[in-house]
Amino acid sequence: MLTPVINSAENPEEEVIINVLYVDDEENNLEAFKASFRRYFNIFTATSVDAGKEVLKEHEIQILITDQRMPGALGTDLLAQAVQDYPDQIRILLTGYSDMEAIKDAINRGQIYQYIQKPWNDDQLKKIIENAYHIYALKKRQKNLNEQLMLTDEQLEFMLRQKLIS
């Protein structure tokens, strides 16, 4: 049973469960991740970039975590695509390699929130995911407030035009 850990962006009184997708071609890493975090978050896993894209299409994922080096495609390719398709999503690169080009790619193309080296520390990674969700929630709240502001502005404009006409 999952324990809601964070307050909702829309309703701060409501607790939500965070959807996290972890993409890694090493099954043992996926299993370890699931075992470590399934009590706190709703965990989705994928063993390839293509499988990760399918999960992203089917579920609202707030936090995307991906390894860099996988057969067929790089994690930074997935991150770059996620920027286009899911701009509010928070992205994290979790890798065992310290390849400077990959890190630059992840920052520039994938707009990552955090770069983490394997092996991860459970407590640290849990806190990073929670903090990432806070940023996600703030982005969503800002988007909602901007939409409300635009609607209010349109209504005021309409009322002003009505007053000028009469």
Foldseek 3Di string as FASTA:
>chain_A
DADFDAAALVGRVDGDAAEEEEEALDVVVLVVVCVLPVNHHNYHYYNDLVRVVVVVVVDPHQEYEYEADHPPHGPLVSLLVCCVVPVLHAYEYEYQDPDVVSVVSCCPRNVHPYYHYPPDDSVVVVVVVRVSVVSSSNVVNVVVVVVVVVVVVVVVVVVVVVVVVD
